[in-house]
Structures are given as structure tokens and as C-alpha cells.
Amino acid sequence: MRSVSVVGLRVRGDVTGRFTLEAVGDLGGFGIGSASKFTWGLQGILSYWLTDRWVLSGGYRVIGLDREKGSAGFDGELHGPLVGVVYT
């Protein structure tokens, strides 16, 4: 069984009647069990409500990872844009 240790925060608010802005952040790993030594993530998303059910979203995400696995591992950041369409 793997252990997962993550804490996070999400904040979302209306910019106008159809636009919402969202910020998400998390920290994890902490070297607990088989987890990474440390991970973190940040993302910002701007969403446009096309209708009451369809949403078009775009933003940017950054993920940091410090992972050791035997003699190999990864210590770096991954980042880039994100785009999504949601039906609720």
C-alpha cells in the first residue's frame, strides 16, 4: 500500500457573470513512506461559462518534484499551459 501526503488550497471567485478565476496550490511528499521527498504545484485558471452547463477554461500550471529512487531520481520543474472544456 502506498501512502500519499498532500495538503492544498483552492480559491475561486467570479470576475464577471460569465468569467471565473481560480488559483490552486499544493505541497506534498515530505518523504513519508514511498512518497517523494518534496512536491509542490501551482496553477491559475480563467474560465468562461458558455452556457449554464458548458465551460471553457485556460491557464498555466507549474509542478515541482524532488524524487529519489535508488541511484536515480528527478529534481526539477514541469510547467506549461492548460486548456479544457467542461460539461457539468
N, C-alpha and C. Protein backbone atom coordinates (compact mmCIF):
# COMPACT_ATOMS: atom_id res chain seq x y z
N MET A 1 0.84 -1.18 0.00
CA MET A 1 0.00 0.00 0.00
C MET A 1 0.88 1.25 0.00
N ARG A 2 0.55 2.21 -0.84
CA ARG A 2 1.32 3.45 -0.93
C ARG A 2 0.67 4.53 -0.08
N SER A 3 1.52 5.36 0.48
CA SER A 3 0.99 6.49 1.26
C SER A 3 1.09 7.75 0.42
N VAL A 4 0.11 8.62 0.56
CA VAL A 4 0.09 9.89 -0.15
C VAL A 4 -0.12 10.99 0.88
N SER A 5 0.78 11.96 0.87
CA SER A 5 0.68 13.06 1.83
C SER A 5 0.68 14.37 1.05
N VAL A 6 -0.47 15.00 0.95
CA VAL A 6 -0.60 16.24 0.21
C VAL A 6 -1.54 17.18 0.96
N VAL A 7 -1.16 18.46 1.02
CA VAL A 7 -2.05 19.49 1.54
C VAL A 7 -2.19 20.54 0.45
N GLY A 8 -3.39 21.13 0.34
CA GLY A 8 -3.60 22.08 -0.73
C GLY A 8 -4.65 23.12 -0.39
N LEU A 9 -4.72 24.11 -1.27
CA LEU A 9 -5.67 25.20 -1.12
C LEU A 9 -6.18 25.59 -2.49
N ARG A 10 -7.49 25.79 -2.59
CA ARG A 10 -8.12 26.24 -3.84
C ARG A 10 -8.98 27.45 -3.54
N VAL A 11 -8.81 28.51 -4.35
CA VAL A 11 -9.60 29.73 -4.20
C VAL A 11 -10.20 30.05 -5.55
N ARG A 12 -11.52 30.28 -5.58
CA ARG A 12 -12.20 30.61 -6.84
C ARG A 12 -13.16 31.75 -6.60
N GLY A 13 -13.22 32.65 -7.57
CA GLY A 13 -14.14 33.77 -7.45
C GLY A 13 -14.64 34.23 -8.80
N ASP A 14 -15.80 34.86 -8.80
CA ASP A 14 -16.39 35.40 -10.02
C ASP A 14 -15.71 36.71 -10.38
N VAL A 15 -15.31 36.84 -11.63
CA VAL A 15 -14.77 38.10 -12.14
C VAL A 15 -15.92 38.92 -12.70
N THR A 16 -16.75 38.27 -13.51
CA THR A 16 -18.00 38.86 -14.02
C THR A 16 -19.04 37.75 -13.97
N GLY A 17 -20.18 37.98 -14.58
CA GLY A 17 -21.23 36.97 -14.58
C GLY A 17 -20.83 35.68 -15.28
N ARG A 18 -19.94 35.76 -16.28
CA ARG A 18 -19.56 34.58 -17.04
C ARG A 18 -18.12 34.14 -16.83
N PHE A 19 -17.27 34.98 -16.26
CA PHE A 19 -15.86 34.65 -16.05
C PHE A 19 -15.59 34.31 -14.59
N THR A 20 -14.82 33.25 -14.35
CA THR A 20 -14.35 32.92 -13.00
C THR A 20 -12.83 32.76 -13.05
N LEU A 21 -12.19 33.10 -11.94
CA LEU A 21 -10.76 32.98 -11.80
C LEU A 21 -10.47 32.04 -10.64
N GLU A 22 -9.53 31.11 -10.84
CA GLU A 22 -9.24 30.11 -9.82
C GLU A 22 -7.73 29.98 -9.64
N ALA A 23 -7.31 29.88 -8.39
CA ALA A 23 -5.90 29.63 -8.05
C ALA A 23 -5.84 28.38 -7.18
N VAL A 24 -4.91 27.49 -7.50
CA VAL A 24 -4.76 26.23 -6.77
C VAL A 24 -3.29 26.04 -6.42
N GLY A 25 -3.03 25.62 -5.19
CA GLY A 25 -1.67 25.32 -4.76
C GLY A 25 -1.66 24.10 -3.87
N ASP A 26 -0.58 23.32 -3.94
CA ASP A 26 -0.47 22.15 -3.06
C ASP A 26 0.99 21.86 -2.75
N LEU A 27 1.20 21.22 -1.62
CA LEU A 27 2.50 20.75 -1.16
C LEU A 27 2.36 19.29 -0.78
N GLY A 28 3.38 18.49 -1.04
CA GLY A 28 3.26 17.09 -0.69
C GLY A 28 4.58 16.38 -0.61
N GLY A 29 4.47 15.07 -0.48
CA GLY A 29 5.65 14.23 -0.39
C GLY A 29 6.12 14.09 1.03
N PHE A 30 6.99 14.97 1.44
CA PHE A 30 7.55 15.02 2.80
C PHE A 30 8.33 13.77 3.16
N GLY A 31 8.66 12.93 2.17
CA GLY A 31 9.45 11.73 2.42
C GLY A 31 8.75 10.67 3.24
N ILE A 32 7.42 10.75 3.34
CA ILE A 32 6.66 9.78 4.13
C ILE A 32 6.42 8.52 3.31
N GLY A 33 6.78 7.38 3.84
CA GLY A 33 6.58 6.11 3.13
C GLY A 33 7.33 6.10 1.81
N SER A 34 6.64 5.78 0.72
CA SER A 34 7.26 5.73 -0.61
C SER A 34 7.10 7.05 -1.36
N ALA A 35 6.64 8.09 -0.67
CA ALA A 35 6.39 9.38 -1.32
C ALA A 35 7.69 10.08 -1.70
N SER A 36 7.59 11.07 -2.56
CA SER A 36 8.73 11.90 -2.92
C SER A 36 9.22 12.67 -1.71
N LYS A 37 10.47 13.15 -1.80
CA LYS A 37 10.98 13.98 -0.71
C LYS A 37 10.14 15.25 -0.58
N PHE A 38 9.81 15.85 -1.72
CA PHE A 38 9.01 17.08 -1.68
C PHE A 38 8.40 17.32 -3.06
N THR A 39 7.13 17.70 -3.09
CA THR A 39 6.47 18.10 -4.33
C THR A 39 5.66 19.36 -4.07
N TRP A 40 5.44 20.13 -5.11
CA TRP A 40 4.59 21.31 -4.99
C TRP A 40 3.97 21.59 -6.36
N GLY A 41 2.87 22.30 -6.33
CA GLY A 41 2.20 22.66 -7.57
C GLY A 41 1.43 23.95 -7.43
N LEU A 42 1.40 24.73 -8.49
CA LEU A 42 0.63 25.97 -8.57
C LEU A 42 -0.06 26.02 -9.92
N GLN A 43 -1.30 26.48 -9.93
CA GLN A 43 -1.97 26.70 -11.21
C GLN A 43 -2.97 27.84 -11.09
N GLY A 44 -3.09 28.57 -12.19
CA GLY A 44 -4.07 29.63 -12.31
C GLY A 44 -4.96 29.35 -13.50
N ILE A 45 -6.26 29.48 -13.33
CA ILE A 45 -7.22 29.14 -14.40
C ILE A 45 -8.25 30.24 -14.55
N LEU A 46 -8.47 30.66 -15.79
CA LEU A 46 -9.54 31.59 -16.12
C LEU A 46 -10.58 30.80 -16.91
N SER A 47 -11.82 30.83 -16.45
CA SER A 47 -12.89 30.06 -17.09
C SER A 47 -13.98 30.98 -17.61
N TYR A 48 -14.54 30.61 -18.75
CA TYR A 48 -15.66 31.34 -19.35
C TYR A 48 -16.84 30.38 -19.48
N TRP A 49 -17.95 30.74 -18.86
CA TRP A 49 -19.17 29.92 -18.89
C TRP A 49 -19.91 30.22 -20.19
N LEU A 50 -19.83 29.28 -21.15
CA LEU A 50 -20.52 29.44 -22.42
C LEU A 50 -22.04 29.37 -22.23
N THR A 51 -22.48 28.41 -21.41
CA THR A 51 -23.89 28.24 -21.05
C THR A 51 -23.91 27.86 -19.56
N ASP A 52 -25.08 27.47 -19.07
CA ASP A 52 -25.16 27.03 -17.67
C ASP A 52 -24.44 25.70 -17.45
N ARG A 53 -24.15 24.97 -18.53
CA ARG A 53 -23.51 23.65 -18.41
C ARG A 53 -22.13 23.56 -19.04
N TRP A 54 -21.83 24.35 -20.04
CA TRP A 54 -20.55 24.28 -20.76
C TRP A 54 -19.60 25.38 -20.31
N VAL A 55 -18.35 24.97 -20.01
CA VAL A 55 -17.32 25.91 -19.53
C VAL A 55 -16.06 25.72 -20.35
N LEU A 56 -15.46 26.81 -20.78
CA LEU A 56 -14.19 26.81 -21.48
C LEU A 56 -13.14 27.39 -20.54
N SER A 57 -12.04 26.67 -20.30
CA SER A 57 -11.03 27.09 -19.33
C SER A 57 -9.65 27.09 -19.94
N GLY A 58 -8.81 28.00 -19.45
CA GLY A 58 -7.41 28.07 -19.86
C GLY A 58 -6.58 28.58 -18.71
N GLY A 59 -5.33 28.19 -18.67
CA GLY A 59 -4.49 28.65 -17.59
C GLY A 59 -3.06 28.17 -17.74
N TYR A 60 -2.36 28.16 -16.61
CA TYR A 60 -0.96 27.76 -16.58
C TYR A 60 -0.70 26.96 -15.32
N ARG A 61 0.16 25.95 -15.42
CA ARG A 61 0.45 25.09 -14.27
C ARG A 61 1.95 24.86 -14.15
N VAL A 62 2.42 24.86 -12.90
CA VAL A 62 3.82 24.56 -12.59
C VAL A 62 3.83 23.47 -11.52
N ILE A 63 4.64 22.43 -11.73
CA ILE A 63 4.78 21.33 -10.78
C ILE A 63 6.26 21.17 -10.47
N GLY A 64 6.61 21.13 -9.19
CA GLY A 64 7.98 20.87 -8.75
C GLY A 64 8.05 19.52 -8.09
N LEU A 65 9.12 18.77 -8.35
CA LEU A 65 9.24 17.41 -7.85
C LEU A 65 10.68 17.13 -7.45
N ASP A 66 10.84 16.56 -6.28
CA ASP A 66 12.15 16.09 -5.82
C ASP A 66 11.96 14.63 -5.42
N ARG A 67 12.35 13.73 -6.29
CA ARG A 67 12.09 12.29 -6.11
C ARG A 67 13.39 11.52 -6.25
N GLU A 68 13.69 10.71 -5.27
CA GLU A 68 14.84 9.82 -5.34
C GLU A 68 14.35 8.38 -5.40
N LYS A 69 14.90 7.63 -6.31
CA LYS A 69 14.54 6.21 -6.46
C LYS A 69 15.83 5.45 -6.70
N GLY A 70 16.35 4.83 -5.65
CA GLY A 70 17.62 4.13 -5.78
C GLY A 70 18.73 5.12 -6.11
N SER A 71 19.48 4.85 -7.16
CA SER A 71 20.55 5.77 -7.56
C SER A 71 20.05 6.81 -8.55
N ALA A 72 18.80 6.68 -9.02
CA ALA A 72 18.23 7.63 -9.98
C ALA A 72 17.19 8.49 -9.29
N GLY A 73 16.76 9.52 -9.97
CA GLY A 73 15.72 10.37 -9.41
C GLY A 73 15.46 11.55 -10.32
N PHE A 74 14.67 12.47 -9.84
CA PHE A 74 14.33 13.67 -10.59
C PHE A 74 14.19 14.82 -9.61
N ASP A 75 14.81 15.93 -9.89
CA ASP A 75 14.70 17.14 -9.10
C ASP A 75 14.54 18.29 -10.08
N GLY A 76 13.31 18.75 -10.29
CA GLY A 76 13.10 19.80 -11.26
C GLY A 76 11.66 20.26 -11.29
N GLU A 77 11.36 21.04 -12.33
CA GLU A 77 10.02 21.61 -12.50
C GLU A 77 9.49 21.27 -13.88
N LEU A 78 8.19 21.09 -13.95
CA LEU A 78 7.46 20.91 -15.20
C LEU A 78 6.44 22.03 -15.26
N HIS A 79 6.31 22.67 -16.42
CA HIS A 79 5.34 23.77 -16.50
C HIS A 79 4.83 23.92 -17.92
N GLY A 80 3.64 24.52 -18.00
CA GLY A 80 3.07 24.76 -19.31
C GLY A 80 1.61 25.15 -19.24
N PRO A 81 1.06 25.50 -20.39
CA PRO A 81 -0.34 25.93 -20.45
C PRO A 81 -1.30 24.76 -20.31
N LEU A 82 -2.52 25.07 -19.93
CA LEU A 82 -3.57 24.06 -19.90
C LEU A 82 -4.85 24.65 -20.48
N VAL A 83 -5.59 23.80 -21.17
CA VAL A 83 -6.85 24.19 -21.82
C VAL A 83 -7.86 23.08 -21.56
N GLY A 84 -9.10 23.45 -21.28
CA GLY A 84 -10.10 22.43 -21.02
C GLY A 84 -11.49 22.88 -21.38
N VAL A 85 -12.34 21.91 -21.67
CA VAL A 85 -13.77 22.13 -21.89
C VAL A 85 -14.48 21.21 -20.92
N VAL A 86 -15.44 21.77 -20.17
CA VAL A 86 -16.12 21.01 -19.13
C VAL A 86 -17.63 21.08 -19.37
N TYR A 87 -18.26 19.94 -19.20
CA TYR A 87 -19.73 19.86 -19.20
C TYR A 87 -20.16 19.43 -17.81
N THR A 88 -20.98 20.24 -17.16
CA THR A 88 -21.45 19.89 -15.82
C THR A 88 -22.91 19.54 -15.82
